[in-house]
Amino acid sequence: MKPYERYRTRKLLLALTAAGGLLLTACSGGGGGSEGSKAADRDISGLPAPAHEDEDRASEQEDREAAPDHLSTFALDVDTASYDYARRSLADGRLPDPSTVRPEEFVNSFRQDYERPDGDGFSVTVDGARTEDEDWSLVRVGLATRSAERTGERPPAALTFVIDISGSMAEPGRLDLARKSLAVMTDRLRDDDSVAVVTFSDEAETVLPMTRLDGNRDEIQDVIAELDTESSTNLGAGVETGHETAVEGLREGATNRVVLVSDALANTGDTDADTILERIAGERREHGITLFGVGVGSDYGDALMERLADRGDGHTVYVSDEGEAREVFCEELPRNIDLTARDAKAQVAFDPETVEEFRLVGYDNRRVADEDFRDDRVDGGEAGPGHTVTALYAVRTEPGAEGHLATATVRWLDPDTRDPHEESGDLETDALHDSLRAAPSRFQVTAVAAYFADTLRSGDDRYDRLPGAPAGFAELADRARALARTTEDRAVGDLADAIEQADRRRG
């Protein structure tokens, strides 16, 4: 029996004996993860420590503290690959596999309007809106880093590109995209940046050791132009050789990063993410080398790439055409080479006096035990300049509840000194918008993206869908189309297109 279940059972028996039948409100939920749970029992949350030797009351208080089911804790995630791969699948005429749909990556694919901090670290924004479902609201926790600085103001970069040249990469939109994008990026990197290139098929090979751009651009361009496909996919060997090459070319004072470009369809050697990562764990921890995964291809090993990036102290994106590839390699990667935070985690504390239950949307693979929030040995997520991270919660408040609703805290380590820092933000019930349509347009975009992911994963008839969800894809597409006009944001228009495609596919 879980601790908080023992607490309720013991208290119920004591109350029945002493007071003749006082009934306690039931509390559902999970153990360490604390998601999808009701908030903590109100009659014990504020009790002081026992003032006398009462073993039962002391045990009750200990159990209550051991099961803080009003907390939600997760590692930050700036991945967007799931959303872009879903769009690719829909454009190809098929619904995405529900197992590849990660709602947090849909939500984090859109520009937000959060206030940004002046220095490294995060700002914290917490807001929310009531839905048409009684007592249910959507609560948004927004974290933002400082604005991306001009390329010339960042530290130098030491980038090791690990390029998949297996046979499957011959399909248009895979290796050809990588060659074109890397060639353009090489021209745009600074003279004091460095580049190494590792290729892999059935084996891995360092075809270019770490080389300064200054005076060597032609040599680097020649290596990129000669990339060609071969046979099978030994992704494990590629990642291992890539990290070895990065360590050999390690530059103090620079951002050292491995950039993996692959369809992640591993079929030779190690094909398990944990096994691959264990082999390069020393390099990651000792030298702080991060992994940036770039997924390509209509047939794509999404689960493997996502786990490699999450556990490899980095993040992943997916590209399907030349425009997206140029954006990633030539704009996003050079702009966000620097890191502003390591091992970042967020913890949201819902007030048990006002919140009856809550559910975090997505982040299934990023949950952290509540007690590990301030354990800096436990991995979190990495973030750089210009990043935003959004977490959306479905929250059911007590009928007529007023007052404090939630406090969100983000904790991170300085990327250079490893010193820990924290920042928090609060939300009161009277700050909730009266409806989703009354909320700011960017909040509404967040909600639509989450509803889209939820429907793709679950189907239109799921009884426990997110509160306030439209009846189906058609109504959701109408909302997205209206928001595209309001925001004048091309990305929101693309979202509306994708929802309409899903509506036709679901048909």
Protein backbone atom coordinates (compact mmCIF):
# COMPACT_ATOMS: atom_id res chain seq x y z
CA MET A 1 0.00 0.00 0.00
CA LYS A 2 1.33 3.45 -0.92
CA PRO A 3 2.18 5.85 1.93
CA TYR A 4 -0.64 8.32 1.35
CA GLU A 5 -3.08 5.40 1.00
CA ARG A 6 -1.93 4.09 4.42
CA TYR A 7 -2.41 7.58 5.78
CA ARG A 8 -6.01 7.82 4.55
CA THR A 9 -6.87 4.33 5.74
CA ARG A 10 -5.41 4.88 9.22
CA LYS A 11 -7.04 8.29 9.59
CA LEU A 12 -10.39 6.92 8.49
CA LEU A 13 -10.25 4.14 11.10
CA LEU A 14 -9.22 6.55 13.82
CA ALA A 15 -11.92 9.01 12.87
CA LEU A 16 -14.61 6.33 12.79
CA THR A 17 -13.60 5.17 16.24
CA ALA A 18 -13.24 8.59 17.87
CA ALA A 19 -15.85 10.69 16.09
CA GLY A 20 -18.45 8.16 14.96
CA GLY A 21 -18.16 8.08 11.21
CA LEU A 22 -16.33 11.10 9.83
CA LEU A 23 -15.84 10.37 6.11
CA LEU A 24 -12.70 11.47 4.35
CA THR A 25 -12.59 12.63 0.74
CA ALA A 26 -10.91 10.04 -1.44
CA CYS A 27 -7.67 10.91 -3.15
CA SER A 28 -6.73 9.23 -6.41
CA GLY A 29 -3.35 9.24 -8.10
CA GLY A 30 0.10 7.81 -8.57
CA GLY A 31 3.03 7.36 -6.26
CA GLY A 32 6.32 9.06 -7.08
CA GLY A 33 5.20 10.60 -10.37
CA SER A 34 2.15 12.35 -8.83
CA GLU A 35 0.44 13.00 -12.17
CA GLY A 36 -3.29 12.66 -12.75
CA SER A 37 -3.83 12.92 -9.02
CA LYS A 38 -6.01 14.82 -6.61
CA ALA A 39 -4.31 17.41 -4.47
CA ALA A 40 -3.35 16.56 -0.88
CA ASP A 41 -6.02 16.15 1.81
CA ARG A 42 -6.93 19.55 3.18
CA ASP A 43 -7.35 18.63 6.86
CA ILE A 44 -3.74 17.54 7.34
CA SER A 45 -1.74 19.76 4.98
CA GLY A 46 -1.32 22.61 7.43
CA LEU A 47 -0.86 20.67 10.66
CA PRO A 48 2.29 21.40 12.68
CA ALA A 49 4.53 18.61 13.87
CA PRO A 50 2.99 16.58 16.72
CA ALA A 51 3.37 18.30 20.09
CA HIS A 52 3.29 15.06 22.11
CA GLU A 53 4.16 11.36 21.78
CA ASP A 54 1.24 10.32 19.61
CA GLU A 55 2.62 7.60 17.33
CA ASP A 56 -0.38 7.48 15.02
CA ARG A 57 -0.47 11.23 14.39
CA ALA A 58 3.29 11.35 13.87
CA SER A 59 3.08 8.49 11.36
CA GLU A 60 0.22 10.21 9.55
CA GLN A 61 2.24 13.39 9.18
CA GLU A 62 5.27 11.44 7.94
CA ASP A 63 3.13 9.65 5.36
CA ARG A 64 1.63 12.93 4.19
CA GLU A 65 5.12 14.40 3.71
CA ALA A 66 6.31 11.25 1.95
CA ALA A 67 3.56 11.52 -0.67
CA PRO A 68 3.46 15.12 -1.89
CA ASP A 69 0.82 14.36 -4.52
CA HIS A 70 0.27 18.06 -5.07
CA LEU A 71 3.65 18.26 -6.84
CA SER A 72 4.56 17.75 -10.49
CA THR A 73 8.24 17.52 -11.47
CA PHE A 74 9.84 17.10 -14.89
CA ALA A 75 13.05 17.73 -16.80
CA LEU A 76 12.89 20.54 -19.32
CA ASP A 77 12.52 19.57 -22.96
CA VAL A 78 12.92 21.82 -26.01
CA ASP A 79 12.46 19.05 -28.60
CA THR A 80 10.11 19.66 -31.53
CA ALA A 81 10.72 16.56 -33.68
CA SER A 82 7.40 14.86 -32.87
CA TYR A 83 5.32 17.71 -34.29
CA ASP A 84 7.40 18.09 -37.46
CA TYR A 85 7.38 14.34 -38.08
CA ALA A 86 3.57 14.28 -37.63
CA ARG A 87 3.27 17.03 -40.25
CA ARG A 88 5.48 15.00 -42.60
CA SER A 89 3.30 11.90 -42.09
CA LEU A 90 0.10 13.85 -42.78
CA ALA A 91 1.59 15.46 -45.88
CA ASP A 92 2.43 11.93 -47.10
CA GLY A 93 -1.22 10.95 -46.68
CA ARG A 94 -1.18 9.01 -43.42
CA LEU A 95 -1.96 9.65 -39.77
CA PRO A 96 1.11 9.53 -37.51
CA ASP A 97 1.59 6.50 -35.30
CA PRO A 98 0.13 7.55 -31.91
CA SER A 99 3.32 6.32 -30.21
CA THR A 100 5.30 9.06 -31.99
CA VAL A 101 2.98 11.87 -30.84
CA ARG A 102 4.46 13.71 -27.84
CA PRO A 103 2.16 16.61 -26.86
CA GLU A 104 4.90 18.70 -25.24
CA GLU A 105 6.76 18.80 -28.57
CA PHE A 106 3.62 20.01 -30.35
CA VAL A 107 3.19 22.75 -27.73
CA ASN A 108 6.87 23.77 -27.83
CA SER A 109 6.86 24.15 -31.63
CA PHE A 110 5.28 27.61 -31.50
CA ARG A 111 6.55 31.05 -30.62
CA GLN A 112 5.53 32.35 -27.21
CA ASP A 113 5.26 35.79 -25.69
CA TYR A 114 6.98 35.21 -22.36
CA GLU A 115 9.06 37.93 -20.78
CA ARG A 116 12.75 37.06 -21.03
CA PRO A 117 15.43 37.44 -18.34
CA ASP A 118 18.36 39.79 -18.72
CA GLY A 119 21.04 37.23 -17.91
CA ASP A 120 21.45 33.46 -18.02
CA GLY A 121 18.77 31.28 -16.52
CA PHE A 122 15.01 31.56 -16.90
CA SER A 123 12.01 33.77 -16.43
CA VAL A 124 8.85 32.05 -15.16
CA THR A 125 5.35 32.86 -16.41
CA VAL A 126 2.26 31.10 -15.04
CA ASP A 127 -1.19 31.82 -16.46
CA GLY A 128 -4.41 29.98 -17.18
CA ALA A 129 -7.94 30.01 -18.53
CA ARG A 130 -11.18 28.37 -17.47
CA THR A 131 -12.77 25.91 -19.90
CA GLU A 132 -16.37 25.01 -20.66
CA ASP A 133 -15.97 21.88 -18.53
CA GLU A 134 -17.14 22.69 -15.02
CA ASP A 135 -14.32 23.58 -12.59
CA TRP A 136 -11.66 22.63 -15.17
CA SER A 137 -8.99 25.03 -16.38
CA LEU A 138 -5.88 24.89 -18.52
CA VAL A 139 -2.79 26.24 -16.74
CA ARG A 140 0.32 27.18 -18.73
CA VAL A 141 3.80 27.25 -17.21
CA GLY A 142 6.17 29.17 -19.45
CA LEU A 143 9.94 29.29 -19.07
CA ALA A 144 12.14 31.50 -21.24
CA THR A 145 15.87 32.09 -21.57
CA ARG A 146 17.47 35.35 -22.63
CA SER A 147 17.17 36.44 -26.24
CA ALA A 148 19.60 34.87 -28.69
CA GLU A 149 22.62 37.11 -29.09
CA ARG A 150 24.22 37.95 -32.39
CA THR A 151 26.44 35.14 -33.64
CA GLY A 152 29.62 37.18 -33.12
CA GLU A 153 28.91 37.57 -29.39
CA ARG A 154 28.71 33.87 -28.56
CA PRO A 155 31.61 31.63 -27.50
CA PRO A 156 33.36 29.70 -30.28
CA ALA A 157 31.87 26.35 -31.23
CA ALA A 158 33.48 22.92 -31.67
CA LEU A 159 30.92 20.89 -33.62
CA THR A 160 31.34 17.20 -34.43
CA PHE A 161 28.92 16.19 -37.17
CA VAL A 162 28.02 12.50 -37.12
CA ILE A 163 26.46 11.77 -40.50
CA ASP A 164 24.46 8.64 -41.32
CA ILE A 165 25.55 7.42 -44.78
CA SER A 166 23.72 4.08 -44.68
CA GLY A 167 21.73 2.90 -47.68
CA SER A 168 18.40 4.25 -46.40
CA MET A 169 19.88 7.77 -46.44
CA ALA A 170 19.90 7.69 -50.25
CA GLU A 171 16.19 8.54 -50.30
CA PRO A 172 15.59 12.15 -51.40
CA GLY A 173 15.26 14.40 -48.38
CA ARG A 174 17.92 12.65 -46.30
CA LEU A 175 21.66 12.78 -47.09
CA ASP A 176 21.12 15.28 -49.90
CA LEU A 177 19.52 17.68 -47.42
CA ALA A 178 22.40 17.19 -45.01
CA ARG A 179 25.03 17.91 -47.67
CA LYS A 180 23.35 21.10 -48.88
CA SER A 181 22.67 22.42 -45.38
CA LEU A 182 26.12 21.62 -44.01
CA ALA A 183 27.71 23.36 -46.98
CA VAL A 184 25.74 26.55 -46.35
CA MET A 185 26.34 26.37 -42.60
CA THR A 186 30.08 26.02 -43.13
CA ASP A 187 30.07 29.33 -44.97
CA ARG A 188 28.15 31.00 -42.14
CA LEU A 189 30.17 29.76 -39.15
CA ARG A 190 32.86 32.05 -37.75
CA ASP A 191 36.57 31.73 -38.40
CA ASP A 192 37.20 30.75 -34.75
CA ASP A 193 34.66 27.90 -34.89
CA SER A 194 35.79 24.31 -35.48
CA VAL A 195 34.17 21.39 -37.30
CA ALA A 196 34.80 17.64 -37.35
CA VAL A 197 32.96 15.08 -39.50
CA VAL A 198 32.28 11.43 -38.65
CA THR A 199 30.38 9.13 -41.00
CA PHE A 200 28.84 5.76 -40.26
CA SER A 201 27.16 2.92 -42.10
CA ASP A 202 28.17 -0.60 -40.99
CA GLU A 203 31.25 1.02 -39.38
CA ALA A 204 32.16 4.54 -38.26
CA GLU A 205 35.01 6.67 -39.56
CA THR A 206 36.38 10.11 -38.70
CA VAL A 207 36.73 11.68 -42.16
CA LEU A 208 37.68 15.11 -40.80
CA PRO A 209 39.29 15.69 -37.37
CA MET A 210 38.45 18.86 -35.48
CA THR A 211 39.43 21.67 -37.88
CA ARG A 212 39.28 25.45 -37.49
CA LEU A 213 37.18 27.20 -40.14
CA ASP A 214 39.76 29.93 -40.60
CA GLY A 215 41.72 29.07 -43.76
CA ASN A 216 40.16 25.60 -44.07
CA ARG A 217 36.69 26.18 -45.47
CA ASP A 218 37.51 24.70 -48.87
CA GLU A 219 38.84 21.49 -47.28
CA ILE A 220 35.70 21.17 -45.14
CA GLN A 221 33.44 21.82 -48.15
CA ASP A 222 35.25 19.07 -50.10
CA VAL A 223 34.63 16.55 -47.30
CA ILE A 224 30.93 17.45 -47.21
CA ALA A 225 30.56 17.24 -51.00
CA GLU A 226 32.05 13.72 -51.05
CA LEU A 227 29.55 12.25 -48.57
CA ASP A 228 27.83 9.29 -50.21
CA THR A 229 25.68 6.38 -49.07
CA GLU A 230 26.97 2.87 -48.41
CA SER A 231 25.32 -0.03 -46.57
CA SER A 232 23.75 -0.73 -43.13
CA THR A 233 23.20 1.52 -40.11
CA ASN A 234 25.52 1.06 -37.12
CA LEU A 235 24.25 4.10 -35.25
CA GLY A 236 25.90 3.03 -32.01
CA ALA A 237 29.34 3.06 -33.61
CA GLY A 238 28.63 6.47 -35.10
CA VAL A 239 27.65 8.02 -31.77
CA GLU A 240 30.61 6.46 -29.97
CA THR A 241 33.15 7.52 -32.60
CA GLY A 242 31.57 10.95 -32.72
CA HIS A 243 32.07 11.50 -29.01
CA GLU A 244 35.63 10.16 -29.18
CA THR A 245 36.37 12.62 -31.98
CA ALA A 246 34.76 15.44 -29.99
CA VAL A 247 36.95 14.63 -26.98
CA GLU A 248 40.10 14.51 -29.11
CA GLY A 249 39.25 17.92 -30.52
CA LEU A 250 37.89 19.36 -27.27
CA ARG A 251 38.32 23.12 -26.98
CA GLU A 252 38.36 24.84 -23.60
CA GLY A 253 36.07 27.85 -23.48
CA ALA A 254 34.11 26.65 -26.52
CA THR A 255 30.72 24.96 -26.82
CA ASN A 256 31.50 21.32 -27.61
CA ARG A 257 28.61 19.54 -29.28
CA VAL A 258 27.92 16.38 -31.27
CA VAL A 259 25.35 16.85 -34.06
CA LEU A 260 23.82 13.54 -35.16
CA VAL A 261 22.10 13.55 -38.59
CA SER A 262 20.24 10.29 -39.21
CA ASP A 263 16.96 8.57 -39.97
CA ALA A 264 17.74 6.55 -36.80
CA LEU A 265 16.86 3.23 -38.43
CA ALA A 266 19.61 1.34 -36.64
CA ASN A 267 20.00 -2.27 -37.80
CA THR A 268 23.64 -3.16 -37.01
CA GLY A 269 25.63 -3.15 -33.78
CA ASP A 270 24.06 -1.58 -30.69
CA THR A 271 20.48 -0.54 -31.41
CA ASP A 272 19.41 0.25 -27.83
CA ALA A 273 19.65 3.89 -26.76
CA ASP A 274 20.63 3.13 -23.16
CA THR A 275 23.43 0.79 -24.24
CA ILE A 276 24.76 3.35 -26.72
CA LEU A 277 24.64 6.14 -24.16
CA GLU A 278 26.33 4.07 -21.49
CA ARG A 279 29.34 3.65 -23.76
CA ILE A 280 29.83 7.41 -24.04
CA ALA A 281 28.67 8.37 -20.51
CA GLY A 282 32.16 9.39 -19.39
CA GLU A 283 32.62 11.86 -22.23
CA ARG A 284 29.23 13.42 -21.57
CA ARG A 285 29.72 13.86 -17.85
CA GLU A 286 33.40 14.79 -17.74
CA HIS A 287 33.50 17.15 -20.71
CA GLY A 288 29.91 18.38 -20.89
CA ILE A 289 29.49 17.40 -24.54
CA THR A 290 25.85 17.72 -25.61
CA LEU A 291 24.02 15.86 -28.36
CA PHE A 292 21.86 17.61 -30.94
CA GLY A 293 19.80 15.16 -33.00
CA VAL A 294 18.51 16.00 -36.48
CA GLY A 295 16.00 13.47 -37.77
CA VAL A 296 15.30 12.98 -41.48
CA GLY A 297 13.32 10.63 -43.72
CA SER A 298 9.72 9.55 -44.22
CA ASP A 299 10.52 6.32 -42.37
CA TYR A 300 12.17 7.56 -39.19
CA GLY A 301 13.31 5.92 -35.92
CA ASP A 302 11.63 8.54 -33.77
CA ALA A 303 11.77 6.67 -30.45
CA LEU A 304 15.51 5.92 -30.69
CA MET A 305 16.48 9.46 -31.68
CA GLU A 306 14.30 11.02 -28.99
CA ARG A 307 15.79 8.85 -26.25
CA LEU A 308 19.35 9.46 -27.45
CA ALA A 309 18.81 13.22 -27.36
CA ASP A 310 17.00 13.27 -24.01
CA ARG A 311 19.55 11.06 -22.28
CA GLY A 312 22.44 12.61 -24.18
CA ASP A 313 21.96 16.05 -22.55
CA GLY A 314 20.58 17.59 -25.71
CA HIS A 315 17.51 17.83 -27.89
CA THR A 316 16.19 16.77 -31.26
CA VAL A 317 14.48 18.27 -34.29
CA TYR A 318 13.09 16.78 -37.48
CA VAL A 319 13.47 18.23 -40.98
CA SER A 320 11.65 17.16 -44.13
CA ASP A 321 12.59 19.71 -46.77
CA GLU A 322 15.36 22.08 -47.75
CA GLY A 323 13.75 25.11 -46.11
CA GLU A 324 13.47 23.38 -42.73
CA ALA A 325 17.00 22.00 -43.01
CA ARG A 326 18.46 25.43 -43.75
CA GLU A 327 16.55 26.88 -40.80
CA VAL A 328 17.98 24.25 -38.46
CA PHE A 329 21.58 24.16 -39.70
CA CYS A 330 22.04 27.75 -40.80
CA GLU A 331 19.91 29.69 -38.32
CA GLU A 332 18.90 27.69 -35.24
CA LEU A 333 22.11 25.74 -34.63
CA PRO A 334 24.58 28.64 -35.04
CA ARG A 335 22.31 30.97 -33.07
CA ASN A 336 21.81 28.55 -30.18
CA ILE A 337 25.25 26.97 -29.98
CA ASP A 338 25.77 28.49 -26.55
CA LEU A 339 24.20 26.96 -23.42
CA THR A 340 22.64 29.09 -20.68
CA ALA A 341 21.46 26.27 -18.40
CA ARG A 342 22.30 22.64 -17.67
CA ASP A 343 20.24 19.95 -15.95
CA ALA A 344 17.21 22.21 -15.73
CA LYS A 345 14.10 20.85 -14.00
CA ALA A 346 10.71 22.34 -13.19
CA GLN A 347 8.46 21.63 -10.25
CA VAL A 348 4.88 22.88 -9.98
CA ALA A 349 3.24 22.89 -6.56
CA PHE A 350 -0.55 23.01 -6.71
CA ASP A 351 -2.27 24.44 -3.65
CA PRO A 352 -4.25 21.64 -1.97
CA GLU A 353 -6.74 24.20 -0.65
CA THR A 354 -7.88 25.18 -4.15
CA VAL A 355 -6.89 22.32 -6.49
CA GLU A 356 -8.72 19.00 -6.48
CA GLU A 357 -6.77 17.28 -9.25
CA PHE A 358 -4.41 18.00 -12.12
CA ARG A 359 -2.75 16.37 -15.13
CA LEU A 360 0.44 17.34 -16.94
CA VAL A 361 0.03 17.20 -20.71
CA GLY A 362 2.85 15.12 -22.17
CA TYR A 363 6.42 14.95 -20.80
CA ASP A 364 5.85 11.21 -20.31
CA ASN A 365 9.55 10.45 -20.82
CA ARG A 366 10.74 13.46 -18.83
CA ARG A 367 9.09 12.90 -15.44
CA VAL A 368 11.37 13.26 -12.42
CA ALA A 369 10.65 11.99 -8.90
CA ASP A 370 9.50 14.92 -6.76
CA GLU A 371 12.22 14.31 -4.19
CA ASP A 372 14.89 14.57 -6.94
CA PHE A 373 14.04 18.13 -7.90
CA ARG A 374 16.98 19.55 -5.92
CA ASP A 375 19.24 16.54 -6.41
CA ASP A 376 21.70 17.96 -8.93
CA ARG A 377 23.07 14.49 -9.68
CA VAL A 378 19.78 13.72 -11.46
CA ASP A 379 19.79 14.71 -15.13
CA GLY A 380 17.59 17.53 -16.31
CA GLY A 381 17.38 19.31 -19.64
CA GLU A 382 19.68 21.75 -21.40
CA ALA A 383 18.63 25.13 -22.79
CA GLY A 384 20.32 27.85 -24.78
CA PRO A 385 19.61 31.47 -25.69
CA GLY A 386 16.26 32.13 -27.32
CA HIS A 387 14.61 28.97 -26.00
CA THR A 388 11.16 28.76 -24.46
CA VAL A 389 9.69 25.76 -22.67
CA THR A 390 5.94 25.39 -22.14
CA ALA A 391 4.14 22.92 -19.91
CA LEU A 392 0.36 22.72 -20.00
CA TYR A 393 -1.78 21.32 -17.20
CA ALA A 394 -5.42 20.34 -16.98
CA VAL A 395 -6.46 21.51 -13.50
CA ARG A 396 -9.69 20.89 -11.65
CA THR A 397 -10.31 23.41 -8.89
CA GLU A 398 -12.54 23.02 -5.87
CA PRO A 399 -16.02 24.47 -6.56
CA GLY A 400 -15.93 28.17 -5.76
CA ALA A 401 -12.24 28.03 -4.80
CA GLU A 402 -10.46 31.35 -4.38
CA GLY A 403 -6.86 32.23 -3.63
CA HIS A 404 -3.49 30.76 -4.48
CA LEU A 405 -3.56 28.12 -7.21
CA ALA A 406 0.02 27.10 -8.01
CA THR A 407 3.71 27.98 -7.75
CA ALA A 408 6.09 26.94 -10.53
CA THR A 409 9.83 26.75 -9.82
CA VAL A 410 12.64 26.07 -12.28
CA ARG A 411 16.07 24.93 -11.08
CA TRP A 412 19.17 24.82 -13.25
CA LEU A 413 22.96 24.66 -13.06
CA ASP A 414 25.24 27.34 -14.43
CA PRO A 415 26.84 25.77 -17.54
CA ASP A 416 30.33 26.89 -16.49
CA THR A 417 30.44 26.83 -12.68
CA ARG A 418 27.70 24.21 -12.09
CA ASP A 419 26.28 26.46 -9.36
CA PRO A 420 22.52 25.88 -8.85
CA HIS A 421 19.94 28.63 -9.33
CA GLU A 422 16.16 28.83 -8.99
CA GLU A 423 13.36 31.11 -10.15
CA SER A 424 9.63 30.92 -9.36
CA GLY A 425 6.27 32.27 -10.48
CA ASP A 426 2.77 32.11 -8.97
CA LEU A 427 -0.84 31.96 -10.16
CA GLU A 428 -3.96 33.01 -8.26
CA THR A 429 -7.48 31.84 -9.10
CA ASP A 430 -8.63 35.38 -9.84
CA ALA A 431 -5.96 35.66 -12.54
CA LEU A 432 -7.52 32.85 -14.60
CA HIS A 433 -9.10 34.09 -17.82
CA ASP A 434 -12.85 33.50 -17.93
CA SER A 435 -12.60 31.34 -21.05
CA LEU A 436 -10.08 30.07 -23.57
CA ARG A 437 -11.33 32.55 -26.16
CA ALA A 438 -10.70 35.37 -23.67
CA ALA A 439 -7.09 34.28 -23.17
CA PRO A 440 -4.18 35.81 -25.14
CA SER A 441 -3.76 34.45 -28.67
CA ARG A 442 -0.49 32.67 -27.85
CA PHE A 443 -2.19 30.84 -24.98
CA GLN A 444 -4.91 29.77 -27.40
CA VAL A 445 -2.30 28.47 -29.86
CA THR A 446 -0.79 26.41 -27.02
CA ALA A 447 -4.21 24.94 -26.25
CA VAL A 448 -4.94 24.11 -29.90
CA ALA A 449 -1.56 22.38 -30.32
CA ALA A 450 -2.21 20.32 -27.20
CA TYR A 451 -5.74 19.40 -28.32
CA PHE A 452 -4.36 18.35 -31.71
CA ALA A 453 -1.78 16.05 -30.14
CA ASP A 454 -4.32 14.67 -27.69
CA THR A 455 -6.77 13.82 -30.48
CA LEU A 456 -4.07 12.21 -32.63
CA ARG A 457 -3.05 10.02 -29.71
CA SER A 458 -6.47 9.17 -28.39
CA GLY A 459 -9.22 9.50 -31.00
CA ASP A 460 -12.23 11.81 -30.93
CA ASP A 461 -14.32 9.63 -28.61
CA ARG A 462 -11.96 9.35 -25.66
CA TYR A 463 -13.90 10.05 -22.48
CA ASP A 464 -11.05 11.68 -20.55
CA ARG A 465 -9.81 14.07 -23.19
CA LEU A 466 -8.39 17.42 -22.23
CA PRO A 467 -11.03 19.75 -20.80
CA GLY A 468 -12.50 22.21 -23.26
CA ALA A 469 -11.54 20.09 -26.27
CA PRO A 470 -13.47 20.78 -29.49
CA ALA A 471 -15.77 18.10 -30.83
CA GLY A 472 -13.31 17.00 -33.52
CA PHE A 473 -10.62 17.97 -36.01
CA ALA A 474 -12.92 20.21 -38.07
CA GLU A 475 -13.77 22.56 -35.21
CA LEU A 476 -10.14 22.52 -34.05
CA ALA A 477 -8.98 23.46 -37.55
CA ASP A 478 -11.39 26.41 -37.55
CA ARG A 479 -9.87 27.65 -34.30
CA ALA A 480 -6.35 27.29 -35.68
CA ARG A 481 -7.27 29.10 -38.91
CA ALA A 482 -8.75 32.02 -36.93
CA LEU A 483 -5.63 32.20 -34.76
CA ALA A 484 -3.43 32.20 -37.86
CA ARG A 485 -5.24 35.34 -39.02
CA THR A 486 -5.01 36.95 -35.57
CA THR A 487 -1.33 36.22 -35.02
CA GLU A 488 -0.28 36.59 -38.67
CA ASP A 489 2.03 33.68 -37.92
CA ARG A 490 2.84 31.31 -40.78
CA ALA A 491 3.57 28.50 -38.32
CA VAL A 492 0.00 28.71 -36.96
CA GLY A 493 -1.32 28.55 -40.52
CA ASP A 494 0.76 25.39 -41.03
CA LEU A 495 -0.85 24.00 -37.86
CA ALA A 496 -4.31 24.63 -39.33
CA ASP A 497 -3.24 22.87 -42.55
CA ALA A 498 -2.03 19.85 -40.58
CA ILE A 499 -5.27 19.60 -38.60
CA GLU A 500 -7.31 19.77 -41.82
CA GLN A 501 -5.15 17.00 -43.31
CA ALA A 502 -5.75 14.89 -40.19
CA ASP A 503 -9.49 15.49 -40.53
CA ARG A 504 -9.39 14.17 -44.11
CA ARG A 505 -7.26 11.18 -43.11
CA ARG A 506 -9.55 10.32 -40.16
CA GLY A 507 -12.51 10.84 -42.54
